[in-house]
Structure formats: C-alpha cells, structure tokens
Amino acid sequence: MSSARPDHASPGRLLSAPLLVREPDRHQHLREVAASLFANRGYANVGLRQLAEHLGIQSGSIYSHIESKQVLLYELIRDHLENLQDHVEWQVKKSAGVEDKLRAFIAGHIEFQLQHRALSQLSVLELRSLEPEYRREIADLQVRYREYLEGIIGDGMKAGVFHSQPLSVASHCVLGLLSSIVLWFGEDAAFSMEQLIKHYTAMVWPSQRRVANLPPASRPIGHSIGFEN
C-alpha cells in the first residue's frame, strides 16, 4: 500500500520553475483528472473521449495509459480505501488509550476524506458503477476497515469505557456518519476541518456528563458510543 501522508514542497523550491514531466507524474495527472470528472459529472456521464480531451491527448491513445474506464474507476476507489486505512492506522498508532484511539480514528478519517474530496465522493457514490467482481473486492476492503474500527470499540467495551452494544451496529453508524461528510460540506463550507472534526467527534462520542447519569432506556438513539462510570 502506498503511504497516505501528504508530500510537501521543499522550502527553497520556486513555484514558477518549469517541471520536467515524468511518466509517473503523467499517470498521476490522469488519475486526478479522471477522479475529478467522475465525481463532478458522474462516472456514467464521462466518456473516454472527454477524458482524453481534458488530458490534451488524442482519444485513440487513451488506451496506452489505461486498461479500461471500468478498471480505472476500480483502481481509483481501491487505492483510496487502502490509503485511507493506512492514514488512519498511522494516526491511531500514535495514541495510547482507547478513548484517544477512537478520537484519532475519527480525526484521521475526516482529515483524509476532506483532503481527497473527489476520491472520497467516488468511494461513496460510484460503488454501484463497479462490475460485481470489482465490487466484491472493494467490499473486502470495507470489511477490513470496519473490523479495524470494531477492534477499537470492542477494546473500549472490554475496558468498561464504552457501553455494551452490537459492534456491527456501532461501526456501521460511525462510518456512515463520517463518510458522508464530503457530501454535505464542500470546500466553501463555513466550517474549518478542525471545527468539523470537533463537531463530528461530539456527535459520535458524547461526553461522560451527557450519558453517565441517564438510565440505558433513556439514552438518545443517536448516541452511538458513550462512557460509563
């Protein structure tokens, strides 16, 4: 899996300096253009001729760069989900207790999704466009990611930090909430990424004061995870 950590330009590099176009750069550019077009116009509404036009190449030469439009979509979603898990695991490993691990999971997920909006939207909206074989492979990646979250929540239950609940319900609720953030908040949103992380964490994970003194039957349905005394 490739690292999910962002690259930063060296301090002394001039932004106006001409760059040599290498083959890996050209391929990455193709992926970025395709992801943007698929996310903004819909996978079904973008033809290879349109993609070639946006890349500034002849439509007949597009197959020298990609195997097919379907494989391109699959690879974009697959690599995004793999990089997402790499990034989140890297963030979680820096945390000690289960409370901090869950916070790191939430923050890492939101951070990565907002930094890669087009790919995040594809991963939510265009799974239906994948052929069954590719969809099954993506489903395996989703299960692995969900099980990673369930491991954190399960450890919290064992430690008496999180209240007892079906793990599959908790993980689906949390991931459903977190993954929809790119659909509701665009780049022009009134909230910063830090503010969104704070608000989403508060929704996913109510504070001890809000739930500790409530009898189990009275706890709000939306409180997926809470603290016990």
C-alpha atoms as a PDB file:
ATOM      1  CA  MET A   1       0.000   0.000   0.000  1.00  0.00           C
ATOM      2  CA  SER A   2       1.259   3.477  -0.693  1.00  0.00           C
ATOM      3  CA  SER A   3       1.723   5.988   2.095  1.00  0.00           C
ATOM      4  CA  ALA A   4      -1.206   8.300   2.767  1.00  0.00           C
ATOM      5  CA  ARG A   5       0.925  11.083   4.179  1.00  0.00           C
ATOM      6  CA  PRO A   6       0.905  14.244   2.032  1.00  0.00           C
ATOM      7  CA  ASP A   7       4.047  15.372   0.273  1.00  0.00           C
ATOM      8  CA  HIS A   8       5.302  18.887   0.925  1.00  0.00           C
ATOM      9  CA  ALA A   9       7.328  21.015  -1.473  1.00  0.00           C
ATOM     10  CA  SER A  10      10.851  21.815  -0.340  1.00  0.00           C
ATOM     11  CA  PRO A  11      11.163  25.319   1.172  1.00  0.00           C
ATOM     12  CA  GLY A  12      13.581  26.531  -1.484  1.00  0.00           C
ATOM     13  CA  ARG A  13      11.597  25.407  -4.495  1.00  0.00           C
ATOM     14  CA  LEU A  14      10.332  28.161  -6.809  1.00  0.00           C
ATOM     15  CA  LEU A  15       6.665  27.665  -7.650  1.00  0.00           C
ATOM     16  CA  SER A  16       7.145  29.246 -11.082  1.00  0.00           C
ATOM     17  CA  ALA A  17      10.047  26.988 -12.053  1.00  0.00           C
ATOM     18  CA  PRO A  18       9.307  24.667 -15.021  1.00  0.00           C
ATOM     19  CA  LEU A  19       8.922  20.989 -14.145  1.00  0.00           C
ATOM     20  CA  LEU A  20      10.019  18.004 -16.169  1.00  0.00           C
ATOM     21  CA  VAL A  21       7.041  15.740 -16.898  1.00  0.00           C
ATOM     22  CA  ARG A  22       7.910  12.160 -15.963  1.00  0.00           C
ATOM     23  CA  GLU A  23       5.757   9.147 -16.754  1.00  0.00           C
ATOM     24  CA  PRO A  24       4.640   8.606 -13.121  1.00  0.00           C
ATOM     25  CA  ASP A  25       3.618  12.284 -12.994  1.00  0.00           C
ATOM     26  CA  ARG A  26       1.634  11.889 -16.209  1.00  0.00           C
ATOM     27  CA  HIS A  27      -0.167   8.825 -14.860  1.00  0.00           C
ATOM     28  CA  GLN A  28      -0.956  10.579 -11.593  1.00  0.00           C
ATOM     29  CA  HIS A  29      -2.277  13.564 -13.518  1.00  0.00           C
ATOM     30  CA  LEU A  30      -4.562  11.250 -15.495  1.00  0.00           C
ATOM     31  CA  ARG A  31      -5.907   9.753 -12.252  1.00  0.00           C
ATOM     32  CA  GLU A  32      -6.547  13.182 -10.751  1.00  0.00           C
ATOM     33  CA  VAL A  33      -8.380  14.425 -13.832  1.00  0.00           C
ATOM     34  CA  ALA A  34     -10.448  11.245 -14.047  1.00  0.00           C
ATOM     35  CA  ALA A  35     -11.388  11.376 -10.364  1.00  0.00           C
ATOM     36  CA  SER A  36     -12.491  14.995 -10.689  1.00  0.00           C
ATOM     37  CA  LEU A  37     -14.579  14.325 -13.801  1.00  0.00           C
ATOM     38  CA  PHE A  38     -16.183  11.181 -12.384  1.00  0.00           C
ATOM     39  CA  ALA A  39     -17.005  12.925  -9.097  1.00  0.00           C
ATOM     40  CA  ASN A  40     -18.411  16.112 -10.636  1.00  0.00           C
ATOM     41  CA  ARG A  41     -20.249  14.706 -13.663  1.00  0.00           C
ATOM     42  CA  GLY A  42     -20.874  11.111 -12.666  1.00  0.00           C
ATOM     43  CA  TYR A  43     -18.986   8.069 -13.900  1.00  0.00           C
ATOM     44  CA  ALA A  44     -21.675   7.132 -16.429  1.00  0.00           C
ATOM     45  CA  ASN A  45     -21.653  10.623 -17.940  1.00  0.00           C
ATOM     46  CA  VAL A  46     -17.927  10.773 -18.684  1.00  0.00           C
ATOM     47  CA  GLY A  47     -16.610   9.067 -21.804  1.00  0.00           C
ATOM     48  CA  LEU A  48     -13.015   8.276 -22.614  1.00  0.00           C
ATOM     49  CA  ARG A  49     -13.125  10.896 -25.383  1.00  0.00           C
ATOM     50  CA  GLN A  50     -13.934  13.565 -22.767  1.00  0.00           C
ATOM     51  CA  LEU A  51     -11.180  12.294 -20.514  1.00  0.00           C
ATOM     52  CA  ALA A  52      -8.686  12.433 -23.379  1.00  0.00           C
ATOM     53  CA  GLU A  53      -9.746  15.997 -24.222  1.00  0.00           C
ATOM     54  CA  HIS A  54      -9.161  17.137 -20.649  1.00  0.00           C
ATOM     55  CA  LEU A  55      -5.763  15.456 -20.700  1.00  0.00           C
ATOM     56  CA  GLY A  56      -4.842  17.084 -24.005  1.00  0.00           C
ATOM     57  CA  ILE A  57      -4.205  13.782 -25.786  1.00  0.00           C
ATOM     58  CA  GLN A  58      -5.765  12.030 -28.759  1.00  0.00           C
ATOM     59  CA  SER A  59      -8.762   9.880 -27.838  1.00  0.00           C
ATOM     60  CA  GLY A  60      -7.255   6.917 -29.664  1.00  0.00           C
ATOM     61  CA  SER A  61      -4.172   6.970 -27.438  1.00  0.00           C
ATOM     62  CA  ILE A  62      -6.077   6.812 -24.139  1.00  0.00           C
ATOM     63  CA  TYR A  63      -5.732   3.023 -24.026  1.00  0.00           C
ATOM     64  CA  SER A  64      -1.971   3.342 -23.901  1.00  0.00           C
ATOM     65  CA  HIS A  65      -2.479   4.937 -20.484  1.00  0.00           C
ATOM     66  CA  ILE A  66      -5.349   2.889 -19.004  1.00  0.00           C
ATOM     67  CA  GLU A  67      -6.735  -0.616 -19.457  1.00  0.00           C
ATOM     68  CA  SER A  68     -10.365   0.494 -19.451  1.00  0.00           C
ATOM     69  CA  LYS A  69     -12.650   3.056 -17.876  1.00  0.00           C
ATOM     70  CA  GLN A  70     -14.037   0.406 -15.519  1.00  0.00           C
ATOM     71  CA  VAL A  71     -10.590  -0.678 -14.340  1.00  0.00           C
ATOM     72  CA  LEU A  72      -9.655   2.975 -13.838  1.00  0.00           C
ATOM     73  CA  LEU A  73     -12.652   3.529 -11.559  1.00  0.00           C
ATOM     74  CA  TYR A  74     -11.878   0.359  -9.625  1.00  0.00           C
ATOM     75  CA  GLU A  75      -8.237   1.324  -9.125  1.00  0.00           C
ATOM     76  CA  LEU A  76      -9.160   4.840  -8.003  1.00  0.00           C
ATOM     77  CA  ILE A  77     -11.570   3.554  -5.341  1.00  0.00           C
ATOM     78  CA  ARG A  78      -9.319   0.666  -4.289  1.00  0.00           C
ATOM     79  CA  ASP A  79      -6.234   2.816  -3.840  1.00  0.00           C
ATOM     80  CA  HIS A  80      -8.219   5.473  -1.997  1.00  0.00           C
ATOM     81  CA  LEU A  81      -9.606   2.983   0.529  1.00  0.00           C
ATOM     82  CA  GLU A  82      -6.198   1.392   1.053  1.00  0.00           C
ATOM     83  CA  ASN A  83      -4.579   4.791   1.571  1.00  0.00           C
ATOM     84  CA  LEU A  84      -7.397   5.833   3.903  1.00  0.00           C
ATOM     85  CA  GLN A  85      -6.777   2.850   6.152  1.00  0.00           C
ATOM     86  CA  ASP A  86      -3.016   3.415   6.060  1.00  0.00           C
ATOM     87  CA  HIS A  87      -3.521   7.030   7.105  1.00  0.00           C
ATOM     88  CA  VAL A  88      -5.995   6.251   9.884  1.00  0.00           C
ATOM     89  CA  GLU A  89      -3.896   3.397  11.290  1.00  0.00           C
ATOM     90  CA  TRP A  90      -0.862   5.685  11.288  1.00  0.00           C
ATOM     91  CA  GLN A  91      -2.817   8.263  13.309  1.00  0.00           C
ATOM     92  CA  VAL A  92      -4.268   5.694  15.721  1.00  0.00           C
ATOM     93  CA  LYS A  93      -0.884   4.115  16.429  1.00  0.00           C
ATOM     94  CA  LYS A  94       0.277   7.425  17.899  1.00  0.00           C
ATOM     95  CA  SER A  95      -2.475   7.208  20.550  1.00  0.00           C
ATOM     96  CA  ALA A  96      -2.360   5.244  23.808  1.00  0.00           C
ATOM     97  CA  GLY A  97      -5.781   4.610  25.378  1.00  0.00           C
ATOM     98  CA  VAL A  98      -8.953   3.506  23.612  1.00  0.00           C
ATOM     99  CA  GLU A  99     -10.525   6.958  24.060  1.00  0.00           C
ATOM    100  CA  ASP A 100      -7.650   8.617  22.247  1.00  0.00           C
ATOM    101  CA  LYS A 101      -7.595   5.862  19.626  1.00  0.00           C
ATOM    102  CA  LEU A 102     -11.236   6.479  18.775  1.00  0.00           C
ATOM    103  CA  ARG A 103     -10.666  10.226  18.613  1.00  0.00           C
ATOM    104  CA  ALA A 104      -7.677   9.628  16.335  1.00  0.00           C
ATOM    105  CA  PHE A 105      -9.757   7.341  14.113  1.00  0.00           C
ATOM    106  CA  ILE A 106     -12.468   9.974  13.722  1.00  0.00           C
ATOM    107  CA  ALA A 107      -9.993  12.787  13.091  1.00  0.00           C
ATOM    108  CA  GLY A 108      -7.867  10.736  10.704  1.00  0.00           C
ATOM    109  CA  HIS A 109     -10.868   9.623   8.677  1.00  0.00           C
ATOM    110  CA  ILE A 110     -12.321  13.115   8.323  1.00  0.00           C
ATOM    111  CA  GLU A 111      -8.927  14.659   7.588  1.00  0.00           C
ATOM    112  CA  PHE A 112      -8.184  12.187   4.789  1.00  0.00           C
ATOM    113  CA  GLN A 113     -11.669  12.404   3.288  1.00  0.00           C
ATOM    114  CA  LEU A 114     -11.579  16.202   3.116  1.00  0.00           C
ATOM    115  CA  GLN A 115      -8.068  16.236   1.674  1.00  0.00           C
ATOM    116  CA  HIS A 116      -9.150  13.869  -1.104  1.00  0.00           C
ATOM    117  CA  ARG A 117     -12.691  15.025  -1.819  1.00  0.00           C
ATOM    118  CA  ALA A 118     -13.137  13.689  -5.345  1.00  0.00           C
ATOM    119  CA  LEU A 119     -11.895  10.215  -4.459  1.00  0.00           C
ATOM    120  CA  SER A 120     -13.956  10.221  -1.273  1.00  0.00           C
ATOM    121  CA  GLN A 121     -17.091  11.061  -3.262  1.00  0.00           C
ATOM    122  CA  LEU A 122     -16.347   8.296  -5.749  1.00  0.00           C
ATOM    123  CA  SER A 123     -15.965   5.799  -2.916  1.00  0.00           C
ATOM    124  CA  VAL A 124     -19.415   6.712  -1.625  1.00  0.00           C
ATOM    125  CA  LEU A 125     -21.411   7.346  -4.806  1.00  0.00           C
ATOM    126  CA  GLU A 126     -19.896   5.227  -7.558  1.00  0.00           C
ATOM    127  CA  LEU A 127     -19.600   1.774  -5.985  1.00  0.00           C
ATOM    128  CA  ARG A 128     -22.798   0.953  -7.863  1.00  0.00           C
ATOM    129  CA  SER A 129     -20.970   1.571 -11.131  1.00  0.00           C
ATOM    130  CA  LEU A 130     -18.447  -1.192 -10.495  1.00  0.00           C
ATOM    131  CA  GLU A 131     -18.877  -4.605 -12.027  1.00  0.00           C
ATOM    132  CA  PRO A 132     -19.690  -7.370  -9.496  1.00  0.00           C
ATOM    133  CA  GLU A 133     -16.150  -8.758  -9.375  1.00  0.00           C
ATOM    134  CA  TYR A 134     -14.627  -5.373  -8.591  1.00  0.00           C
ATOM    135  CA  ARG A 135     -17.431  -4.539  -6.158  1.00  0.00           C
ATOM    136  CA  ARG A 136     -16.664  -7.689  -4.162  1.00  0.00           C
ATOM    137  CA  GLU A 137     -13.006  -6.729  -3.880  1.00  0.00           C
ATOM    138  CA  ILE A 138     -13.940  -3.258  -2.667  1.00  0.00           C
ATOM    139  CA  ALA A 139     -16.380  -4.816  -0.193  1.00  0.00           C
ATOM    140  CA  ASP A 140     -13.494  -6.839   1.258  1.00  0.00           C
ATOM    141  CA  LEU A 141     -11.535  -3.624   1.848  1.00  0.00           C
ATOM    142  CA  GLN A 142     -14.560  -2.040   3.512  1.00  0.00           C
ATOM    143  CA  VAL A 143     -14.968  -5.042   5.813  1.00  0.00           C
ATOM    144  CA  ARG A 144     -11.304  -4.865   6.816  1.00  0.00           C
ATOM    145  CA  TYR A 145     -11.623  -1.171   7.625  1.00  0.00           C
ATOM    146  CA  ARG A 146     -14.846  -1.690   9.559  1.00  0.00           C
ATOM    147  CA  GLU A 147     -13.261  -4.522  11.550  1.00  0.00           C
ATOM    148  CA  TYR A 148     -10.380  -2.232  12.438  1.00  0.00           C
ATOM    149  CA  LEU A 149     -12.846   0.262  13.923  1.00  0.00           C
ATOM    150  CA  GLU A 150     -14.710  -2.548  15.685  1.00  0.00           C
ATOM    151  CA  GLY A 151     -11.429  -3.577  17.297  1.00  0.00           C
ATOM    152  CA  ILE A 152     -11.094  -0.131  18.854  1.00  0.00           C
ATOM    153  CA  ILE A 153     -14.710  -0.041  20.031  1.00  0.00           C
ATOM    154  CA  GLY A 154     -14.513  -3.637  21.295  1.00  0.00           C
ATOM    155  CA  ASP A 155     -11.402  -2.848  23.355  1.00  0.00           C
ATOM    156  CA  GLY A 156     -13.276   0.094  24.842  1.00  0.00           C
ATOM    157  CA  MET A 157     -16.162  -2.147  25.841  1.00  0.00           C
ATOM    158  CA  LYS A 158     -13.822  -4.641  27.492  1.00  0.00           C
ATOM    159  CA  ALA A 159     -12.158  -1.807  29.397  1.00  0.00           C
ATOM    160  CA  GLY A 160     -15.550  -0.535  30.585  1.00  0.00           C
ATOM    161  CA  VAL A 161     -15.046   2.779  28.761  1.00  0.00           C
ATOM    162  CA  PHE A 162     -17.754   2.323  26.094  1.00  0.00           C
ATOM    163  CA  HIS A 163     -21.190   0.960  26.837  1.00  0.00           C
ATOM    164  CA  SER A 164     -22.078  -2.521  25.588  1.00  0.00           C
ATOM    165  CA  GLN A 165     -23.663  -2.643  22.119  1.00  0.00           C
ATOM    166  CA  PRO A 166     -23.578  -4.724  18.917  1.00  0.00           C
ATOM    167  CA  LEU A 167     -20.241  -3.947  17.273  1.00  0.00           C
ATOM    168  CA  SER A 168     -21.604  -4.162  13.737  1.00  0.00           C
ATOM    169  CA  VAL A 169     -24.313  -1.602  14.527  1.00  0.00           C
ATOM    170  CA  ALA A 170     -21.833   0.782  16.146  1.00  0.00           C
ATOM    171  CA  SER A 171     -19.280   0.558  13.325  1.00  0.00           C
ATOM    172  CA  HIS A 172     -21.873   0.987  10.561  1.00  0.00           C
ATOM    173  CA  CYS A 173     -23.353   4.036  12.295  1.00  0.00           C
ATOM    174  CA  VAL A 174     -19.980   5.669  12.853  1.00  0.00           C
ATOM    175  CA  LEU A 175     -18.679   5.026   9.333  1.00  0.00           C
ATOM    176  CA  GLY A 176     -21.965   6.074   7.761  1.00  0.00           C
ATOM    177  CA  LEU A 177     -21.767   9.399   9.557  1.00  0.00           C
ATOM    178  CA  LEU A 178     -18.075  10.021   8.874  1.00  0.00           C
ATOM    179  CA  SER A 179     -18.091   9.006   5.210  1.00  0.00           C
ATOM    180  CA  SER A 180     -20.965  11.320   4.326  1.00  0.00           C
ATOM    181  CA  ILE A 181     -19.045  14.440   5.330  1.00  0.00           C
ATOM    182  CA  VAL A 182     -17.799  15.081   1.773  1.00  0.00           C
ATOM    183  CA  LEU A 183     -21.382  15.031   0.504  1.00  0.00           C
ATOM    184  CA  TRP A 184     -22.568  17.710   2.922  1.00  0.00           C
ATOM    185  CA  PHE A 185     -19.577  20.037   3.278  1.00  0.00           C
ATOM    186  CA  GLY A 186     -17.816  21.401   0.205  1.00  0.00           C
ATOM    187  CA  GLU A 187     -14.593  23.361   0.016  1.00  0.00           C
ATOM    188  CA  ASP A 188     -16.597  26.544   0.581  1.00  0.00           C
ATOM    189  CA  ALA A 189     -18.150  25.243   3.818  1.00  0.00           C
ATOM    190  CA  ALA A 190     -18.482  27.685   6.699  1.00  0.00           C
ATOM    191  CA  PHE A 191     -16.579  25.302   8.984  1.00  0.00           C
ATOM    192  CA  SER A 192     -12.876  24.558   9.005  1.00  0.00           C
ATOM    193  CA  MET A 193     -11.640  20.974   9.009  1.00  0.00           C
ATOM    194  CA  GLU A 194     -10.722  21.311  12.677  1.00  0.00           C
ATOM    195  CA  GLN A 195     -14.235  22.513  13.514  1.00  0.00           C
ATOM    196  CA  LEU A 196     -15.830  19.662  11.595  1.00  0.00           C
ATOM    197  CA  ILE A 197     -13.647  17.135  13.399  1.00  0.00           C
ATOM    198  CA  LYS A 198     -14.692  18.656  16.713  1.00  0.00           C
ATOM    199  CA  HIS A 199     -18.403  18.639  15.877  1.00  0.00           C
ATOM    200  CA  TYR A 200     -18.410  15.153  14.381  1.00  0.00           C
ATOM    201  CA  THR A 201     -16.491  13.780  17.347  1.00  0.00           C
ATOM    202  CA  ALA A 202     -19.088  15.303  19.666  1.00  0.00           C
ATOM    203  CA  MET A 203     -21.876  13.590  17.701  1.00  0.00           C
ATOM    204  CA  VAL A 204     -20.167  10.205  17.524  1.00  0.00           C
ATOM    205  CA  TRP A 205     -18.859  10.263  21.044  1.00  0.00           C
ATOM    206  CA  PRO A 206     -20.952  12.085  23.663  1.00  0.00           C
ATOM    207  CA  SER A 207     -19.170  13.222  26.784  1.00  0.00           C
ATOM    208  CA  GLN A 208     -19.446  11.375  30.086  1.00  0.00           C
ATOM    209  CA  ARG A 209     -21.581  14.077  31.599  1.00  0.00           C
ATOM    210  CA  ARG A 210     -24.254  13.752  28.936  1.00  0.00           C
ATOM    211  CA  VAL A 211     -24.790   9.986  29.234  1.00  0.00           C
ATOM    212  CA  ALA A 212     -23.425   8.702  32.520  1.00  0.00           C
ATOM    213  CA  ASN A 213     -26.435   9.651  34.605  1.00  0.00           C
ATOM    214  CA  LEU A 214     -29.068   8.512  32.111  1.00  0.00           C
ATOM    215  CA  PRO A 215     -30.726   5.102  32.501  1.00  0.00           C
ATOM    216  CA  PRO A 216     -29.982   2.838  29.491  1.00  0.00           C
ATOM    217  CA  ALA A 217     -33.502   3.117  28.028  1.00  0.00           C
ATOM    218  CA  SER A 218     -33.317   6.920  28.083  1.00  0.00           C
ATOM    219  CA  ARG A 219     -30.089   7.325  26.171  1.00  0.00           C
ATOM    220  CA  PRO A 220     -30.661   9.168  22.886  1.00  0.00           C
ATOM    221  CA  ILE A 221     -30.712   6.880  19.856  1.00  0.00           C
ATOM    222  CA  GLY A 222     -28.134   8.998  18.049  1.00  0.00           C
ATOM    223  CA  HIS A 223     -25.529   8.402  20.747  1.00  0.00           C
ATOM    224  CA  SER A 224     -23.658   5.522  19.170  1.00  0.00           C
ATOM    225  CA  ILE A 225     -20.858   5.473  21.704  1.00  0.00           C
ATOM    226  CA  GLY A 226     -20.777   6.770  25.232  1.00  0.00           C
ATOM    227  CA  PHE A 227     -18.932   6.493  28.512  1.00  0.00           C
ATOM    228  CA  GLU A 228     -19.869   4.538  31.592  1.00  0.00           C
ATOM    229  CA  ASN A 229     -18.813   5.447  35.088  1.00  0.00           C
END
